[in-house]
Amino acid sequence: MVGAGIVLGHNVWRVLPNEVPILFSLALVSAKLRDGGWQELGFRRPRSWPRTWAIAAAAALVRILVGSLALDPLSARFWPPSHSPAMAGRVPHHPLAALSALAVVWTFAAFGEEVGYRGYLTRRAAESGAGTRLAWVAATIAVSILFGYGHYYKGPAGVLDSGFAGLVLGTTYLATGGNLWAPILAHGLIDTVSVVFLFLGWAN
């Protein structure tokens, strides 16, 4: 509940600073108090890095295709197109701006958001339900909705799109047994495609 208040407090009510550093810090404190370190958040060496990359790529592909072929046309019937992040306008045909965007994508977004939303909020929410399979599913859905509201600035279409992205990333997290590397890689790949499309002038 505190996590939900933090997400909504910044993105909807605008009374708190950005939620990602706050959630990231809480995740580190929580892991430290539980004597679990980074492994408590899901940072474990995968049994197979190629398999982890393949799962991440498949998740990214599902998120991109469903978003562009189904969610975007559906939401266009009800709402205006989603708003892009502020830095998006500087990326087209500017290599340095694109590289800067990629740095933000892989650090703040892929790493920071996945630690906060999947490694921390999803795990703690699932544990509040005794860690059962149903609790993990419910936690994934709830945190996916919060992830959508974490992109409230994009408007209703963007909240729906980002909520679906959160569901894909959360499902990836579950499918790999709570290994955080898979959703981090998937998140990074999704946003990298967006940056590349912006740079090349292919994004609308």
N, C-alpha and C. Protein backbone atom coordinates (compact mmCIF):
# COMPACT_ATOMS: atom_id res chain seq x y z
N MET A 1 0.82 -1.20 0.00
CA MET A 1 0.00 0.00 0.00
C MET A 1 0.86 1.26 0.00
N VAL A 2 1.96 1.21 0.74
CA VAL A 2 2.88 2.34 0.74
C VAL A 2 3.48 2.53 -0.64
N GLY A 3 3.84 1.41 -1.27
CA GLY A 3 4.38 1.47 -2.63
C GLY A 3 3.40 2.09 -3.60
N ALA A 4 2.14 1.72 -3.49
CA ALA A 4 1.11 2.29 -4.36
C ALA A 4 0.99 3.79 -4.11
N GLY A 5 1.06 4.20 -2.84
CA GLY A 5 1.00 5.61 -2.51
C GLY A 5 2.17 6.39 -3.09
N ILE A 6 3.34 5.74 -3.12
CA ILE A 6 4.52 6.40 -3.69
C ILE A 6 4.36 6.59 -5.19
N VAL A 7 3.89 5.55 -5.87
CA VAL A 7 3.70 5.63 -7.33
C VAL A 7 2.67 6.69 -7.68
N LEU A 8 1.52 6.63 -7.01
CA LEU A 8 0.45 7.59 -7.30
C LEU A 8 0.82 8.98 -6.80
N GLY A 9 1.57 9.04 -5.71
CA GLY A 9 1.96 10.32 -5.15
C GLY A 9 2.80 11.15 -6.09
N HIS A 10 3.63 10.50 -6.89
CA HIS A 10 4.42 11.25 -7.87
C HIS A 10 3.68 11.44 -9.18
N ASN A 11 3.15 10.37 -9.72
CA ASN A 11 2.64 10.39 -11.09
C ASN A 11 1.24 10.98 -11.23
N VAL A 12 0.39 10.80 -10.23
CA VAL A 12 -0.98 11.27 -10.33
C VAL A 12 -1.20 12.52 -9.47
N TRP A 13 -0.81 12.45 -8.18
CA TRP A 13 -1.09 13.55 -7.27
C TRP A 13 0.01 14.61 -7.27
N ARG A 14 1.19 14.28 -7.81
CA ARG A 14 2.31 15.22 -7.95
C ARG A 14 2.73 15.83 -6.62
N VAL A 15 2.77 15.04 -5.57
CA VAL A 15 3.18 15.54 -4.25
C VAL A 15 4.50 14.90 -3.79
N LEU A 16 5.05 13.98 -4.59
CA LEU A 16 6.30 13.31 -4.24
C LEU A 16 7.26 13.40 -5.41
N PRO A 17 8.57 13.29 -5.15
CA PRO A 17 9.52 13.21 -6.26
C PRO A 17 9.37 11.88 -6.99
N ASN A 18 10.14 11.71 -8.06
CA ASN A 18 10.03 10.52 -8.90
C ASN A 18 10.09 9.25 -8.06
N GLU A 19 9.17 8.32 -8.35
CA GLU A 19 9.03 7.12 -7.52
C GLU A 19 10.15 6.12 -7.71
N VAL A 20 10.83 6.13 -8.87
CA VAL A 20 11.82 5.09 -9.15
C VAL A 20 12.98 5.11 -8.15
N PRO A 21 13.64 6.25 -7.91
CA PRO A 21 14.70 6.24 -6.89
C PRO A 21 14.20 5.87 -5.49
N ILE A 22 12.96 6.27 -5.17
CA ILE A 22 12.41 5.93 -3.85
C ILE A 22 12.21 4.43 -3.73
N LEU A 23 11.57 3.82 -4.72
CA LEU A 23 11.35 2.37 -4.69
C LEU A 23 12.67 1.61 -4.72
N PHE A 24 13.61 2.09 -5.53
CA PHE A 24 14.93 1.45 -5.61
C PHE A 24 15.60 1.45 -4.25
N SER A 25 15.56 2.59 -3.55
CA SER A 25 16.18 2.69 -2.23
C SER A 25 15.48 1.78 -1.23
N LEU A 26 14.15 1.75 -1.26
CA LEU A 26 13.41 0.87 -0.37
C LEU A 26 13.74 -0.60 -0.64
N ALA A 27 13.91 -0.93 -1.92
CA ALA A 27 14.27 -2.31 -2.28
C ALA A 27 15.60 -2.71 -1.68
N LEU A 28 16.59 -1.81 -1.76
CA LEU A 28 17.91 -2.11 -1.20
C LEU A 28 17.85 -2.25 0.32
N VAL A 29 17.11 -1.35 0.98
CA VAL A 29 16.97 -1.41 2.43
C VAL A 29 16.27 -2.70 2.83
N SER A 30 15.19 -3.04 2.12
CA SER A 30 14.44 -4.25 2.42
C SER A 30 15.31 -5.50 2.26
N ALA A 31 16.07 -5.54 1.16
CA ALA A 31 16.94 -6.70 0.92
C ALA A 31 18.01 -6.81 2.00
N LYS A 32 18.54 -5.65 2.42
CA LYS A 32 19.57 -5.65 3.46
C LYS A 32 19.00 -6.14 4.79
N LEU A 33 17.83 -5.68 5.15
CA LEU A 33 17.21 -6.08 6.41
C LEU A 33 16.88 -7.57 6.43
N ARG A 34 16.63 -8.11 5.26
CA ARG A 34 16.31 -9.54 5.17
C ARG A 34 17.56 -10.39 4.97
N ASP A 35 18.71 -9.74 4.98
CA ASP A 35 20.01 -10.43 4.81
C ASP A 35 20.07 -11.22 3.52
N GLY A 36 19.34 -10.73 2.51
CA GLY A 36 19.33 -11.45 1.25
C GLY A 36 20.18 -10.81 0.17
N GLY A 37 20.55 -9.54 0.36
CA GLY A 37 21.35 -8.86 -0.64
C GLY A 37 20.61 -8.77 -1.97
N TRP A 38 21.37 -8.69 -3.04
CA TRP A 38 20.78 -8.55 -4.37
C TRP A 38 19.96 -9.77 -4.76
N GLN A 39 20.33 -10.94 -4.23
CA GLN A 39 19.57 -12.15 -4.56
C GLN A 39 18.14 -12.08 -4.04
N GLU A 40 17.92 -11.33 -2.97
CA GLU A 40 16.58 -11.18 -2.42
C GLU A 40 15.65 -10.51 -3.41
N LEU A 41 16.21 -9.71 -4.32
CA LEU A 41 15.42 -9.01 -5.32
C LEU A 41 15.26 -9.80 -6.61
N GLY A 42 16.01 -10.89 -6.73
CA GLY A 42 15.92 -11.72 -7.93
C GLY A 42 17.15 -11.70 -8.81
N PHE A 43 18.24 -11.10 -8.31
CA PHE A 43 19.49 -11.08 -9.08
C PHE A 43 20.26 -12.38 -8.83
N ARG A 44 19.96 -13.35 -9.67
CA ARG A 44 20.67 -14.63 -9.60
C ARG A 44 21.23 -14.94 -10.98
N ARG A 45 22.35 -15.62 -11.01
CA ARG A 45 22.93 -16.00 -12.28
C ARG A 45 22.01 -17.01 -12.97
N PRO A 46 21.53 -16.70 -14.17
CA PRO A 46 20.64 -17.64 -14.86
C PRO A 46 21.37 -18.95 -15.19
N ARG A 47 20.60 -20.01 -15.28
CA ARG A 47 21.19 -21.29 -15.68
C ARG A 47 21.75 -21.20 -17.09
N SER A 48 21.11 -20.40 -17.91
CA SER A 48 21.54 -20.23 -19.30
C SER A 48 21.29 -18.79 -19.73
N TRP A 49 22.36 -18.05 -20.02
CA TRP A 49 22.20 -16.68 -20.50
C TRP A 49 21.54 -16.64 -21.89
N PRO A 50 21.91 -17.54 -22.82
CA PRO A 50 21.21 -17.52 -24.12
C PRO A 50 19.70 -17.72 -23.96
N ARG A 51 19.29 -18.62 -23.08
CA ARG A 51 17.86 -18.85 -22.85
C ARG A 51 17.21 -17.61 -22.25
N THR A 52 17.90 -16.96 -21.32
CA THR A 52 17.36 -15.75 -20.70
C THR A 52 17.20 -14.64 -21.72
N TRP A 53 18.20 -14.47 -22.60
CA TRP A 53 18.10 -13.48 -23.67
C TRP A 53 16.95 -13.82 -24.63
N ALA A 54 16.78 -15.11 -24.91
CA ALA A 54 15.71 -15.53 -25.82
C ALA A 54 14.34 -15.23 -25.21
N ILE A 55 14.18 -15.51 -23.91
CA ILE A 55 12.91 -15.21 -23.23
C ILE A 55 12.66 -13.71 -23.23
N ALA A 56 13.70 -12.93 -22.96
CA ALA A 56 13.57 -11.48 -22.95
C ALA A 56 13.18 -10.95 -24.33
N ALA A 57 13.82 -11.49 -25.38
CA ALA A 57 13.51 -11.05 -26.74
C ALA A 57 12.08 -11.41 -27.12
N ALA A 58 11.63 -12.61 -26.70
CA ALA A 58 10.26 -13.03 -27.00
C ALA A 58 9.26 -12.13 -26.28
N ALA A 59 9.55 -11.80 -25.03
CA ALA A 59 8.67 -10.91 -24.27
C ALA A 59 8.61 -9.53 -24.91
N ALA A 60 9.77 -9.03 -25.34
CA ALA A 60 9.81 -7.72 -26.01
C ALA A 60 9.00 -7.74 -27.29
N LEU A 61 9.11 -8.82 -28.04
CA LEU A 61 8.38 -8.94 -29.30
C LEU A 61 6.87 -8.96 -29.05
N VAL A 62 6.43 -9.71 -28.04
CA VAL A 62 5.01 -9.76 -27.71
C VAL A 62 4.50 -8.38 -27.31
N ARG A 63 5.26 -7.70 -26.46
CA ARG A 63 4.84 -6.38 -26.00
C ARG A 63 4.73 -5.39 -27.17
N ILE A 64 5.72 -5.42 -28.07
CA ILE A 64 5.73 -4.47 -29.19
C ILE A 64 4.61 -4.78 -30.19
N LEU A 65 4.45 -6.04 -30.55
CA LEU A 65 3.45 -6.41 -31.55
C LEU A 65 2.03 -6.21 -31.04
N VAL A 66 1.76 -6.67 -29.84
CA VAL A 66 0.41 -6.50 -29.29
C VAL A 66 0.10 -5.02 -29.09
N GLY A 67 1.10 -4.28 -28.62
CA GLY A 67 0.89 -2.85 -28.42
C GLY A 67 0.57 -2.12 -29.71
N SER A 68 1.35 -2.40 -30.75
CA SER A 68 1.19 -1.66 -32.01
C SER A 68 0.01 -2.17 -32.84
N LEU A 69 -0.25 -3.47 -32.80
CA LEU A 69 -1.29 -4.04 -33.66
C LEU A 69 -2.67 -4.13 -33.00
N ALA A 70 -2.72 -4.12 -31.68
CA ALA A 70 -4.01 -4.29 -30.99
C ALA A 70 -4.33 -3.13 -30.06
N LEU A 71 -3.44 -2.84 -29.11
CA LEU A 71 -3.77 -1.82 -28.11
C LEU A 71 -3.84 -0.42 -28.70
N ASP A 72 -2.90 -0.06 -29.54
CA ASP A 72 -2.91 1.28 -30.12
C ASP A 72 -4.18 1.54 -30.94
N PRO A 73 -4.56 0.64 -31.87
CA PRO A 73 -5.81 0.87 -32.62
C PRO A 73 -7.04 0.90 -31.71
N LEU A 74 -7.05 0.05 -30.67
CA LEU A 74 -8.20 0.01 -29.76
C LEU A 74 -8.30 1.30 -28.97
N SER A 75 -7.19 1.73 -28.37
CA SER A 75 -7.24 2.94 -27.55
C SER A 75 -7.52 4.18 -28.39
N ALA A 76 -7.13 4.15 -29.69
CA ALA A 76 -7.37 5.31 -30.56
C ALA A 76 -8.86 5.57 -30.76
N ARG A 77 -9.70 4.57 -30.50
CA ARG A 77 -11.14 4.76 -30.63
C ARG A 77 -11.71 5.58 -29.49
N PHE A 78 -10.99 5.65 -28.39
CA PHE A 78 -11.52 6.30 -27.20
C PHE A 78 -10.70 7.52 -26.75
N TRP A 79 -9.38 7.46 -26.96
CA TRP A 79 -8.51 8.50 -26.40
C TRP A 79 -7.53 9.03 -27.44
N PRO A 80 -6.96 10.20 -27.18
CA PRO A 80 -5.89 10.70 -28.05
C PRO A 80 -4.66 9.81 -27.94
N PRO A 81 -3.73 9.91 -28.89
CA PRO A 81 -2.49 9.12 -28.81
C PRO A 81 -1.73 9.45 -27.52
N SER A 82 -0.98 8.48 -27.02
CA SER A 82 -0.23 8.69 -25.79
C SER A 82 0.89 9.71 -26.00
N HIS A 83 1.23 10.42 -24.95
CA HIS A 83 2.30 11.40 -25.00
C HIS A 83 3.64 10.72 -24.85
N SER A 84 4.64 11.19 -25.57
CA SER A 84 5.99 10.63 -25.49
C SER A 84 6.76 11.31 -24.36
N PRO A 85 7.81 10.66 -23.82
CA PRO A 85 8.67 11.31 -22.84
C PRO A 85 9.29 12.57 -23.42
N ALA A 86 9.67 13.50 -22.54
CA ALA A 86 10.20 14.78 -22.99
C ALA A 86 11.43 14.63 -23.88
N MET A 87 12.28 13.63 -23.56
CA MET A 87 13.53 13.50 -24.31
C MET A 87 13.30 12.94 -25.72
N ALA A 88 12.09 12.41 -26.00
CA ALA A 88 11.83 11.79 -27.30
C ALA A 88 11.98 12.78 -28.44
N GLY A 89 11.62 14.03 -28.21
CA GLY A 89 11.68 15.03 -29.27
C GLY A 89 13.09 15.37 -29.70
N ARG A 90 14.09 15.05 -28.87
CA ARG A 90 15.48 15.38 -29.20
C ARG A 90 16.20 14.24 -29.91
N VAL A 91 15.58 13.07 -29.98
CA VAL A 91 16.27 11.88 -30.49
C VAL A 91 16.36 11.79 -32.02
N PRO A 92 15.28 12.14 -32.76
CA PRO A 92 15.32 11.91 -34.22
C PRO A 92 16.54 12.51 -34.91
N HIS A 93 17.32 11.63 -35.52
CA HIS A 93 18.47 12.01 -36.35
C HIS A 93 19.58 12.71 -35.57
N HIS A 94 19.60 12.56 -34.24
CA HIS A 94 20.66 13.15 -33.43
C HIS A 94 21.36 12.03 -32.66
N PRO A 95 22.53 11.58 -33.13
CA PRO A 95 23.22 10.43 -32.51
C PRO A 95 23.49 10.60 -31.02
N LEU A 96 23.96 11.77 -30.60
CA LEU A 96 24.29 11.95 -29.19
C LEU A 96 23.03 11.89 -28.32
N ALA A 97 21.95 12.47 -28.80
CA ALA A 97 20.69 12.41 -28.05
C ALA A 97 20.18 10.98 -27.98
N ALA A 98 20.35 10.22 -29.06
CA ALA A 98 19.93 8.82 -29.07
C ALA A 98 20.75 7.99 -28.09
N LEU A 99 22.07 8.22 -28.07
CA LEU A 99 22.93 7.51 -27.12
C LEU A 99 22.58 7.86 -25.68
N SER A 100 22.28 9.14 -25.45
CA SER A 100 21.87 9.56 -24.11
C SER A 100 20.57 8.89 -23.71
N ALA A 101 19.63 8.80 -24.66
CA ALA A 101 18.36 8.14 -24.38
C ALA A 101 18.57 6.66 -24.07
N LEU A 102 19.47 6.01 -24.79
CA LEU A 102 19.76 4.60 -24.53
C LEU A 102 20.37 4.40 -23.15
N ALA A 103 21.20 5.34 -22.72
CA ALA A 103 21.78 5.25 -21.39
C ALA A 103 20.69 5.33 -20.32
N VAL A 104 19.73 6.24 -20.53
CA VAL A 104 18.61 6.37 -19.59
C VAL A 104 17.75 5.11 -19.62
N VAL A 105 17.53 4.59 -20.83
CA VAL A 105 16.71 3.40 -21.00
C VAL A 105 17.25 2.22 -20.20
N TRP A 106 18.55 1.99 -20.28
CA TRP A 106 19.12 0.79 -19.66
C TRP A 106 19.43 0.96 -18.18
N THR A 107 19.55 2.19 -17.70
CA THR A 107 19.85 2.40 -16.27
C THR A 107 18.57 2.73 -15.50
N PHE A 108 18.02 3.90 -15.74
CA PHE A 108 16.85 4.36 -14.99
C PHE A 108 15.63 3.48 -15.27
N ALA A 109 15.35 3.21 -16.54
CA ALA A 109 14.12 2.48 -16.90
C ALA A 109 14.28 0.98 -16.68
N ALA A 110 15.14 0.34 -17.47
CA ALA A 110 15.24 -1.12 -17.41
C ALA A 110 15.71 -1.61 -16.04
N PHE A 111 16.80 -1.03 -15.54
CA PHE A 111 17.35 -1.49 -14.26
C PHE A 111 16.55 -0.94 -13.08
N GLY A 112 16.39 0.38 -13.05
CA GLY A 112 15.75 1.01 -11.90
C GLY A 112 14.29 0.62 -11.73
N GLU A 113 13.52 0.70 -12.82
CA GLU A 113 12.10 0.37 -12.72
C GLU A 113 11.87 -1.10 -12.41
N GLU A 114 12.68 -1.98 -12.99
CA GLU A 114 12.47 -3.40 -12.72
C GLU A 114 12.82 -3.78 -11.28
N VAL A 115 13.86 -3.16 -10.75
CA VAL A 115 14.16 -3.39 -9.33
C VAL A 115 13.00 -2.92 -8.46
N GLY A 116 12.48 -1.73 -8.76
CA GLY A 116 11.41 -1.17 -7.94
C GLY A 116 10.09 -1.89 -8.09
N TYR A 117 9.68 -2.12 -9.33
CA TYR A 117 8.34 -2.67 -9.58
C TYR A 117 8.29 -4.19 -9.48
N ARG A 118 9.25 -4.87 -10.08
CA ARG A 118 9.22 -6.33 -10.04
C ARG A 118 10.00 -6.87 -8.83
N GLY A 119 11.24 -6.44 -8.67
CA GLY A 119 12.07 -6.99 -7.60
C GLY A 119 11.57 -6.65 -6.20
N TYR A 120 10.95 -5.47 -6.08
CA TYR A 120 10.50 -5.04 -4.75
C TYR A 120 8.98 -5.16 -4.59
N LEU A 121 8.21 -4.36 -5.34
CA LEU A 121 6.77 -4.32 -5.12
C LEU A 121 6.10 -5.68 -5.36
N THR A 122 6.45 -6.33 -6.47
CA THR A 122 5.81 -7.61 -6.76
C THR A 122 6.15 -8.66 -5.71
N ARG A 123 7.41 -8.72 -5.33
CA ARG A 123 7.82 -9.70 -4.32
C ARG A 123 7.13 -9.45 -2.98
N ARG A 124 7.15 -8.19 -2.53
CA ARG A 124 6.55 -7.90 -1.22
C ARG A 124 5.05 -8.14 -1.25
N ALA A 125 4.40 -7.76 -2.37
CA ALA A 125 2.95 -7.98 -2.47
C ALA A 125 2.63 -9.47 -2.46
N ALA A 126 3.43 -10.28 -3.17
CA ALA A 126 3.20 -11.72 -3.18
C ALA A 126 3.41 -12.32 -1.80
N GLU A 127 4.41 -11.83 -1.08
CA GLU A 127 4.68 -12.35 0.26
C GLU A 127 3.56 -12.00 1.23
N SER A 128 2.87 -10.88 0.98
CA SER A 128 1.74 -10.53 1.85
C SER A 128 0.60 -11.52 1.68
N GLY A 129 0.61 -12.27 0.59
CA GLY A 129 -0.38 -13.33 0.36
C GLY A 129 0.21 -14.70 0.59
N ALA A 130 1.23 -14.77 1.44
CA ALA A 130 1.87 -16.04 1.84
C ALA A 130 2.67 -16.68 0.71
N GLY A 131 2.91 -15.94 -0.36
CA GLY A 131 3.76 -16.46 -1.43
C GLY A 131 3.15 -17.58 -2.23
N THR A 132 1.83 -17.73 -2.21
CA THR A 132 1.18 -18.77 -3.00
C THR A 132 1.20 -18.38 -4.48
N ARG A 133 0.88 -19.35 -5.33
CA ARG A 133 0.85 -19.06 -6.76
C ARG A 133 -0.18 -17.98 -7.08
N LEU A 134 -1.35 -18.08 -6.42
CA LEU A 134 -2.38 -17.07 -6.62
C LEU A 134 -1.91 -15.69 -6.17
N ALA A 135 -1.16 -15.65 -5.07
CA ALA A 135 -0.65 -14.38 -4.57
C ALA A 135 0.33 -13.76 -5.56
N TRP A 136 1.17 -14.57 -6.18
CA TRP A 136 2.12 -14.05 -7.17
C TRP A 136 1.38 -13.52 -8.40
N VAL A 137 0.36 -14.23 -8.83
CA VAL A 137 -0.42 -13.76 -9.99
C VAL A 137 -1.12 -12.45 -9.66
N ALA A 138 -1.77 -12.40 -8.48
CA ALA A 138 -2.47 -11.18 -8.08
C ALA A 138 -1.50 -10.02 -7.93
N ALA A 139 -0.33 -10.29 -7.36
CA ALA A 139 0.67 -9.24 -7.19
C ALA A 139 1.16 -8.72 -8.54
N THR A 140 1.36 -9.63 -9.48
CA THR A 140 1.81 -9.23 -10.82
C THR A 140 0.79 -8.34 -11.50
N ILE A 141 -0.48 -8.70 -11.39
CA ILE A 141 -1.54 -7.89 -12.00
C ILE A 141 -1.63 -6.52 -11.33
N ALA A 142 -1.61 -6.51 -9.99
CA ALA A 142 -1.72 -5.24 -9.26
C ALA A 142 -0.55 -4.31 -9.57
N VAL A 143 0.65 -4.86 -9.60
CA VAL A 143 1.82 -4.03 -9.86
C VAL A 143 1.85 -3.58 -11.33
N SER A 144 1.30 -4.38 -12.22
CA SER A 144 1.19 -3.98 -13.63
C SER A 144 0.28 -2.76 -13.77
N ILE A 145 -0.80 -2.75 -13.01
CA ILE A 145 -1.70 -1.58 -13.02
C ILE A 145 -0.96 -0.36 -12.48
N LEU A 146 -0.21 -0.55 -11.39
CA LEU A 146 0.58 0.56 -10.86
C LEU A 146 1.62 1.03 -11.87
N PHE A 147 2.22 0.09 -12.58
CA PHE A 147 3.21 0.44 -13.59
C PHE A 147 2.56 1.30 -14.68
N GLY A 148 1.34 0.98 -15.01
CA GLY A 148 0.62 1.82 -15.97
C GLY A 148 0.46 3.23 -15.46
N TYR A 149 0.05 3.37 -14.19
CA TYR A 149 -0.09 4.70 -13.59
C TYR A 149 1.26 5.37 -13.35
N GLY A 150 2.31 4.58 -13.35
CA GLY A 150 3.65 5.16 -13.29
C GLY A 150 3.99 5.93 -14.55
N HIS A 151 3.18 5.78 -15.59
CA HIS A 151 3.36 6.51 -16.85
C HIS A 151 2.12 7.35 -17.13
N TYR A 152 1.58 7.92 -16.06
CA TYR A 152 0.35 8.70 -16.12
C TYR A 152 0.47 9.90 -17.06
N TYR A 153 1.69 10.43 -17.18
CA TYR A 153 1.91 11.60 -18.03
C TYR A 153 1.59 11.30 -19.50
N LYS A 154 1.56 10.03 -19.88
CA LYS A 154 1.28 9.67 -21.26
C LYS A 154 -0.20 9.77 -21.62
N GLY A 155 -1.06 9.94 -20.62
CA GLY A 155 -2.48 9.98 -20.88
C GLY A 155 -3.11 8.60 -20.79
N PRO A 156 -4.44 8.50 -20.94
CA PRO A 156 -5.13 7.21 -20.78
C PRO A 156 -4.60 6.11 -21.70
N ALA A 157 -4.32 6.45 -22.96
CA ALA A 157 -3.79 5.43 -23.88
C ALA A 157 -2.43 4.95 -23.42
N GLY A 158 -1.63 5.86 -22.90
CA GLY A 158 -0.30 5.49 -22.41
C GLY A 158 -0.35 4.66 -21.15
N VAL A 159 -1.32 4.95 -20.27
CA VAL A 159 -1.49 4.16 -19.05
C VAL A 159 -1.86 2.72 -19.41
N LEU A 160 -2.79 2.56 -20.36
CA LEU A 160 -3.18 1.22 -20.81
C LEU A 160 -2.00 0.49 -21.44
N ASP A 161 -1.27 1.17 -22.30
CA ASP A 161 -0.13 0.56 -22.99
C ASP A 161 0.96 0.17 -22.00
N SER A 162 1.27 1.08 -21.08
CA SER A 162 2.31 0.78 -20.09
C SER A 162 1.86 -0.29 -19.11
N GLY A 163 0.56 -0.31 -18.80
CA GLY A 163 0.06 -1.38 -17.93
C GLY A 163 0.23 -2.75 -18.58
N PHE A 164 -0.03 -2.81 -19.89
CA PHE A 164 0.19 -4.07 -20.60
C PHE A 164 1.67 -4.43 -20.62
N ALA A 165 2.52 -3.42 -20.82
CA ALA A 165 3.97 -3.67 -20.77
C ALA A 165 4.37 -4.23 -19.42
N GLY A 166 3.81 -3.66 -18.34
CA GLY A 166 4.10 -4.17 -17.01
C GLY A 166 3.65 -5.60 -16.83
N LEU A 167 2.50 -5.95 -17.44
CA LEU A 167 2.00 -7.32 -17.34
C LEU A 167 2.94 -8.29 -18.06
N VAL A 168 3.44 -7.89 -19.23
CA VAL A 168 4.39 -8.73 -19.96
C VAL A 168 5.68 -8.90 -19.16
N LEU A 169 6.19 -7.80 -18.61
CA LEU A 169 7.43 -7.87 -17.83
C LEU A 169 7.23 -8.69 -16.55
N GLY A 170 6.07 -8.50 -15.91
CA GLY A 170 5.80 -9.28 -14.71
C GLY A 170 5.65 -10.75 -15.00
N THR A 171 5.01 -11.08 -16.12
CA THR A 171 4.88 -12.48 -16.51
C THR A 171 6.24 -13.09 -16.82
N THR A 172 7.11 -12.31 -17.43
CA THR A 172 8.48 -12.77 -17.70
C THR A 172 9.20 -13.06 -16.39
N TYR A 173 8.99 -12.20 -15.42
CA TYR A 173 9.58 -12.39 -14.09
C TYR A 173 9.11 -13.70 -13.47
N LEU A 174 7.81 -13.97 -13.56
CA LEU A 174 7.26 -15.21 -13.01
C LEU A 174 7.76 -16.43 -13.78
N ALA A 175 7.79 -16.31 -15.11
CA ALA A 175 8.15 -17.45 -15.96
C ALA A 175 9.59 -17.90 -15.74
N THR A 176 10.43 -17.00 -15.26
CA THR A 176 11.83 -17.36 -15.02
C THR A 176 12.10 -17.62 -13.54
N GLY A 177 11.04 -17.86 -12.78
CA GLY A 177 11.21 -18.20 -11.38
C GLY A 177 11.66 -17.03 -10.52
N GLY A 178 11.27 -15.82 -10.90
CA GLY A 178 11.65 -14.65 -10.11
C GLY A 178 13.06 -14.19 -10.35
N ASN A 179 13.60 -14.50 -11.53
CA ASN A 179 14.94 -14.00 -11.88
C ASN A 179 14.78 -12.64 -12.54
N LEU A 180 15.38 -11.61 -11.95
CA LEU A 180 15.14 -10.23 -12.39
C LEU A 180 15.85 -9.89 -13.70
N TRP A 181 16.84 -10.69 -14.08
CA TRP A 181 17.57 -10.36 -15.31
C TRP A 181 16.68 -10.43 -16.55
N ALA A 182 15.75 -11.35 -16.58
CA ALA A 182 14.89 -11.49 -17.77
C ALA A 182 14.03 -10.25 -18.01
N PRO A 183 13.28 -9.74 -17.02
CA PRO A 183 12.51 -8.52 -17.28
C PRO A 183 13.38 -7.29 -17.51
N ILE A 184 14.55 -7.23 -16.89
CA ILE A 184 15.46 -6.11 -17.15
C ILE A 184 15.87 -6.10 -18.61
N LEU A 185 16.28 -7.25 -19.13
CA LEU A 185 16.69 -7.34 -20.53
C LEU A 185 15.52 -7.06 -21.46
N ALA A 186 14.35 -7.61 -21.13
CA ALA A 186 13.17 -7.38 -21.96
C ALA A 186 12.81 -5.89 -21.99
N HIS A 187 12.82 -5.27 -20.83
CA HIS A 187 12.52 -3.84 -20.72
C HIS A 187 13.50 -3.02 -21.54
N GLY A 188 14.78 -3.35 -21.42
CA GLY A 188 15.79 -2.63 -22.19
C GLY A 188 15.62 -2.80 -23.68
N LEU A 189 15.29 -4.01 -24.12
CA LEU A 189 15.09 -4.27 -25.55
C LEU A 189 13.88 -3.50 -26.08
N ILE A 190 12.80 -3.50 -25.32
CA ILE A 190 11.59 -2.78 -25.74
C ILE A 190 11.89 -1.30 -25.95
N ASP A 191 12.53 -0.69 -24.96
CA ASP A 191 12.80 0.73 -25.06
C ASP A 191 13.89 1.05 -26.08
N THR A 192 14.81 0.11 -26.28
CA THR A 192 15.84 0.32 -27.31
C THR A 192 15.21 0.38 -28.69
N VAL A 193 14.24 -0.50 -28.95
CA VAL A 193 13.53 -0.46 -30.23
C VAL A 193 12.85 0.90 -30.40
N SER A 194 12.26 1.41 -29.34
CA SER A 194 11.60 2.71 -29.41
C SER A 194 12.59 3.81 -29.75
N VAL A 195 13.75 3.79 -29.11
CA VAL A 195 14.77 4.81 -29.37
C VAL A 195 15.28 4.71 -30.80
N VAL A 196 15.52 3.50 -31.27
CA VAL A 196 16.01 3.31 -32.64
C VAL A 196 14.99 3.81 -33.65
N PHE A 197 13.72 3.48 -33.42
CA PHE A 197 12.66 3.96 -34.33
C PHE A 197 12.56 5.47 -34.32
N LEU A 198 12.69 6.07 -33.13
CA LEU A 198 12.68 7.54 -33.06
C LEU A 198 13.85 8.13 -33.82
N PHE A 199 15.02 7.56 -33.62
CA PHE A 199 16.23 8.09 -34.26
C PHE A 199 16.12 8.04 -35.78
N LEU A 200 15.56 6.93 -36.29
CA LEU A 200 15.44 6.75 -37.72
C LEU A 200 14.24 7.49 -38.33
N GLY A 201 13.41 8.06 -37.46
CA GLY A 201 12.23 8.78 -37.94
C GLY A 201 11.08 7.88 -38.31
N TRP A 202 11.08 6.65 -37.78
CA TRP A 202 10.02 5.70 -38.10
C TRP A 202 8.87 5.75 -37.13
N ALA A 203 9.05 6.42 -35.98
CA ALA A 203 7.99 6.46 -34.96
C ALA A 203 7.06 7.61 -35.24
N ASN A 204 5.74 7.36 -35.00
CA ASN A 204 4.79 8.46 -35.19
C ASN A 204 4.58 9.16 -33.84
